[in-house]
Amino acid sequence: MQSQAKAGQKIIYRNLTEKTGVNLDRNLIKNCMINLITNAIKYSNEGSLIEFNTDISERENIISVRDNGIGIPAEDQKYLFGAFFRAQNTGSILGTGLGLNIVARHVELMKGKIEFESKPENGTLFKLIFPAL
């Protein structure tokens, strides 16, 4: 994904625990991560930092992506996972409005949940949370 980043953008991966194994569908989780990181690249400025973290424990597995991009307006957040929805501040940035809808469906298929925090001009944090098996 680093090769797709804008000039000066850095994608930093950290595993926050010593554990490394999870029991998730490889293709579904790969598609989720590609979408979330692509969005972070797309909606962030050149030279910005994108954090990609995993936190694997006995209780749950958390995968998160944080950017410092344009953020999502509060009034748009309730529609974020709807098909073809695009936030009002996306302007001329290309997109179909399907990516997060697909991510949400994939997470649901893997018995997980998706959470996010976002403020306009302060970026967005997405967390995919899965029960440990």
C-alpha atoms as a PDB file:
ATOM      1  CA  MET A   1       0.000   0.000   0.000  1.00  0.00           C
ATOM      2  CA  GLN A   2       2.941   2.346   0.578  1.00  0.00           C
ATOM      3  CA  SER A   3       3.525   2.437  -3.192  1.00  0.00           C
ATOM      4  CA  GLN A   4       0.032   3.940  -3.622  1.00  0.00           C
ATOM      5  CA  ALA A   5       0.576   6.665  -1.028  1.00  0.00           C
ATOM      6  CA  LYS A   6       0.795  10.323  -1.937  1.00  0.00           C
ATOM      7  CA  ALA A   7       4.135  12.123  -1.802  1.00  0.00           C
ATOM      8  CA  GLY A   8       5.489  12.092   1.724  1.00  0.00           C
ATOM      9  CA  GLN A   9       2.675   9.993   3.189  1.00  0.00           C
ATOM     10  CA  LYS A  10       3.909   7.257   5.501  1.00  0.00           C
ATOM     11  CA  ILE A  11       1.978   4.132   6.432  1.00  0.00           C
ATOM     12  CA  ILE A  12       3.218   2.889   9.785  1.00  0.00           C
ATOM     13  CA  TYR A  13       2.274  -0.633  10.923  1.00  0.00           C
ATOM     14  CA  ARG A  14       2.553  -1.710  14.551  1.00  0.00           C
ATOM     15  CA  ASN A  15       1.392  -4.841  16.316  1.00  0.00           C
ATOM     16  CA  LEU A  16       0.626  -3.631  19.835  1.00  0.00           C
ATOM     17  CA  THR A  17       1.001  -7.078  21.415  1.00  0.00           C
ATOM     18  CA  GLU A  18       3.318 -10.046  21.085  1.00  0.00           C
ATOM     19  CA  LYS A  19       0.607 -12.293  19.642  1.00  0.00           C
ATOM     20  CA  THR A  20       0.424 -12.494  15.859  1.00  0.00           C
ATOM     21  CA  GLY A  21      -2.157 -15.130  14.915  1.00  0.00           C
ATOM     22  CA  VAL A  22      -5.850 -14.569  14.282  1.00  0.00           C
ATOM     23  CA  ASN A  23      -8.567 -16.794  12.872  1.00  0.00           C
ATOM     24  CA  LEU A  24     -10.185 -14.595  10.208  1.00  0.00           C
ATOM     25  CA  ASP A  25     -10.973 -15.065   6.550  1.00  0.00           C
ATOM     26  CA  ARG A  26      -7.776 -14.022   4.780  1.00  0.00           C
ATOM     27  CA  ASN A  27      -9.468 -12.591   1.688  1.00  0.00           C
ATOM     28  CA  LEU A  28     -12.199 -10.709   3.552  1.00  0.00           C
ATOM     29  CA  ILE A  29      -9.783  -9.094   6.007  1.00  0.00           C
ATOM     30  CA  LYS A  30      -7.371  -8.251   3.187  1.00  0.00           C
ATOM     31  CA  ASN A  31     -10.175  -6.484   1.289  1.00  0.00           C
ATOM     32  CA  CYS A  32     -11.141  -4.567   4.437  1.00  0.00           C
ATOM     33  CA  MET A  33      -7.597  -3.385   5.037  1.00  0.00           C
ATOM     34  CA  ILE A  34      -7.026  -2.405   1.417  1.00  0.00           C
ATOM     35  CA  ASN A  35     -10.202  -0.333   1.484  1.00  0.00           C
ATOM     36  CA  LEU A  36      -9.496   1.396   4.792  1.00  0.00           C
ATOM     37  CA  ILE A  37      -5.879   2.192   3.932  1.00  0.00           C
ATOM     38  CA  THR A  38      -6.816   3.333   0.414  1.00  0.00           C
ATOM     39  CA  ASN A  39      -9.417   5.676   1.935  1.00  0.00           C
ATOM     40  CA  ALA A  40      -6.846   6.984   4.413  1.00  0.00           C
ATOM     41  CA  ILE A  41      -4.485   7.731   1.532  1.00  0.00           C
ATOM     42  CA  LYS A  42      -7.209   9.280  -0.607  1.00  0.00           C
ATOM     43  CA  TYR A  43      -8.673  11.561   2.065  1.00  0.00           C
ATOM     44  CA  SER A  44      -5.375  12.682   3.632  1.00  0.00           C
ATOM     45  CA  ASN A  45      -2.874  15.255   2.458  1.00  0.00           C
ATOM     46  CA  GLU A  46       0.606  14.672   1.132  1.00  0.00           C
ATOM     47  CA  GLY A  47       3.145  14.241   3.900  1.00  0.00           C
ATOM     48  CA  SER A  48       0.644  12.857   6.400  1.00  0.00           C
ATOM     49  CA  LEU A  49       0.928   9.818   8.648  1.00  0.00           C
ATOM     50  CA  ILE A  50      -1.387   6.802   8.371  1.00  0.00           C
ATOM     51  CA  GLU A  51      -1.331   4.410  11.308  1.00  0.00           C
ATOM     52  CA  PHE A  52      -2.238   0.743  10.812  1.00  0.00           C
ATOM     53  CA  ASN A  53      -2.279  -1.239  14.079  1.00  0.00           C
ATOM     54  CA  THR A  54      -3.188  -4.691  15.299  1.00  0.00           C
ATOM     55  CA  ASP A  55      -3.952  -5.509  18.924  1.00  0.00           C
ATOM     56  CA  ILE A  56      -4.393  -9.247  19.435  1.00  0.00           C
ATOM     57  CA  SER A  57      -5.444 -10.615  22.808  1.00  0.00           C
ATOM     58  CA  GLU A  58      -7.133 -13.606  24.413  1.00  0.00           C
ATOM     59  CA  ARG A  59     -10.439 -11.732  24.397  1.00  0.00           C
ATOM     60  CA  GLU A  60     -10.554  -9.835  21.103  1.00  0.00           C
ATOM     61  CA  ASN A  61      -8.604  -8.868  18.012  1.00  0.00           C
ATOM     62  CA  ILE A  62      -8.579  -5.217  16.992  1.00  0.00           C
ATOM     63  CA  ILE A  63      -7.340  -3.903  13.686  1.00  0.00           C
ATOM     64  CA  SER A  64      -7.285  -0.130  13.336  1.00  0.00           C
ATOM     65  CA  VAL A  65      -6.484   2.477  10.715  1.00  0.00           C
ATOM     66  CA  ARG A  66      -6.051   6.132  11.705  1.00  0.00           C
ATOM     67  CA  ASP A  67      -5.474   9.019   9.321  1.00  0.00           C
ATOM     68  CA  ASN A  68      -5.057  12.757   9.657  1.00  0.00           C
ATOM     69  CA  GLY A  69      -7.321  13.557   6.731  1.00  0.00           C
ATOM     70  CA  ILE A  70     -10.424  15.600   6.042  1.00  0.00           C
ATOM     71  CA  GLY A  71     -12.569  13.715   8.557  1.00  0.00           C
ATOM     72  CA  ILE A  72     -16.279  12.975   8.311  1.00  0.00           C
ATOM     73  CA  PRO A  73     -18.864  15.642   9.171  1.00  0.00           C
ATOM     74  CA  ALA A  74     -21.011  14.683  12.190  1.00  0.00           C
ATOM     75  CA  GLU A  75     -24.233  14.953  10.188  1.00  0.00           C
ATOM     76  CA  ASP A  76     -22.929  12.423   7.638  1.00  0.00           C
ATOM     77  CA  GLN A  77     -21.645   9.824  10.078  1.00  0.00           C
ATOM     78  CA  LYS A  78     -24.960   7.984  10.529  1.00  0.00           C
ATOM     79  CA  TYR A  79     -25.052   7.225   6.789  1.00  0.00           C
ATOM     80  CA  LEU A  80     -21.404   6.231   6.442  1.00  0.00           C
ATOM     81  CA  PHE A  81     -21.917   2.505   5.801  1.00  0.00           C
ATOM     82  CA  GLY A  82     -24.833   2.894   3.396  1.00  0.00           C
ATOM     83  CA  ALA A  83     -24.383   1.852  -0.221  1.00  0.00           C
ATOM     84  CA  PHE A  84     -23.368   4.711  -2.527  1.00  0.00           C
ATOM     85  CA  PHE A  85     -23.118   7.233   0.310  1.00  0.00           C
ATOM     86  CA  ARG A  86     -20.381   9.859   0.120  1.00  0.00           C
ATOM     87  CA  ALA A  87     -19.838  12.518   2.760  1.00  0.00           C
ATOM     88  CA  GLN A  88     -20.563  16.091   1.766  1.00  0.00           C
ATOM     89  CA  ASN A  89     -16.945  17.196   2.224  1.00  0.00           C
ATOM     90  CA  THR A  90     -15.449  14.759  -0.311  1.00  0.00           C
ATOM     91  CA  GLY A  91     -15.666  17.325  -3.087  1.00  0.00           C
ATOM     92  CA  SER A  92     -13.882  16.221  -6.258  1.00  0.00           C
ATOM     93  CA  ILE A  93     -12.179  13.212  -4.628  1.00  0.00           C
ATOM     94  CA  LEU A  94     -13.170  10.199  -6.708  1.00  0.00           C
ATOM     95  CA  GLY A  95     -15.120   7.328  -5.164  1.00  0.00           C
ATOM     96  CA  THR A  96     -18.240   5.205  -5.527  1.00  0.00           C
ATOM     97  CA  GLY A  97     -19.539   5.198  -1.961  1.00  0.00           C
ATOM     98  CA  LEU A  98     -19.397   1.403  -1.835  1.00  0.00           C
ATOM     99  CA  GLY A  99     -16.123   0.734  -0.008  1.00  0.00           C
ATOM    100  CA  LEU A 100     -17.250   1.180   3.591  1.00  0.00           C
ATOM    101  CA  ASN A 101     -20.499  -0.633   2.869  1.00  0.00           C
ATOM    102  CA  ILE A 102     -18.477  -3.627   1.697  1.00  0.00           C
ATOM    103  CA  VAL A 103     -16.105  -3.379   4.688  1.00  0.00           C
ATOM    104  CA  ALA A 104     -19.080  -3.401   7.075  1.00  0.00           C
ATOM    105  CA  ARG A 105     -20.538  -6.480   5.367  1.00  0.00           C
ATOM    106  CA  HIS A 106     -17.214  -8.322   5.468  1.00  0.00           C
ATOM    107  CA  VAL A 107     -16.753  -7.514   9.160  1.00  0.00           C
ATOM    108  CA  GLU A 108     -20.263  -8.770   9.891  1.00  0.00           C
ATOM    109  CA  LEU A 109     -19.567 -12.026   8.016  1.00  0.00           C
ATOM    110  CA  MET A 110     -16.540 -12.554  10.283  1.00  0.00           C
ATOM    111  CA  LYS A 111     -18.697 -11.932  13.417  1.00  0.00           C
ATOM    112  CA  GLY A 112     -16.998  -8.639  14.159  1.00  0.00           C
ATOM    113  CA  LYS A 113     -18.055  -5.048  14.579  1.00  0.00           C
ATOM    114  CA  ILE A 114     -16.782  -1.790  13.167  1.00  0.00           C
ATOM    115  CA  GLU A 115     -16.375   1.423  15.139  1.00  0.00           C
ATOM    116  CA  PHE A 116     -15.083   4.817  14.114  1.00  0.00           C
ATOM    117  CA  GLU A 117     -14.290   8.260  15.453  1.00  0.00           C
ATOM    118  CA  SER A 118     -13.974  11.255  13.194  1.00  0.00           C
ATOM    119  CA  LYS A 119     -13.910  15.026  13.266  1.00  0.00           C
ATOM    120  CA  PRO A 120     -13.670  17.287  10.222  1.00  0.00           C
ATOM    121  CA  GLU A 121     -10.066  18.325   9.532  1.00  0.00           C
ATOM    122  CA  ASN A 122      -8.836  16.072  12.380  1.00  0.00           C
ATOM    123  CA  GLY A 123      -8.906  12.712  10.632  1.00  0.00           C
ATOM    124  CA  THR A 124     -10.635   9.417  11.233  1.00  0.00           C
ATOM    125  CA  LEU A 125      -9.994   6.258  13.215  1.00  0.00           C
ATOM    126  CA  PHE A 126     -11.612   2.992  12.107  1.00  0.00           C
ATOM    127  CA  LYS A 127     -11.510  -0.057  14.396  1.00  0.00           C
ATOM    128  CA  LEU A 128     -12.456  -3.551  13.302  1.00  0.00           C
ATOM    129  CA  ILE A 129     -13.113  -5.643  16.407  1.00  0.00           C
ATOM    130  CA  PHE A 130     -13.374  -9.421  16.288  1.00  0.00           C
ATOM    131  CA  PRO A 131     -13.900 -11.893  19.113  1.00  0.00           C
ATOM    132  CA  ALA A 132     -10.922 -14.155  19.736  1.00  0.00           C
ATOM    133  CA  LEU A 133     -11.662 -17.812  19.088  1.00  0.00           C
END
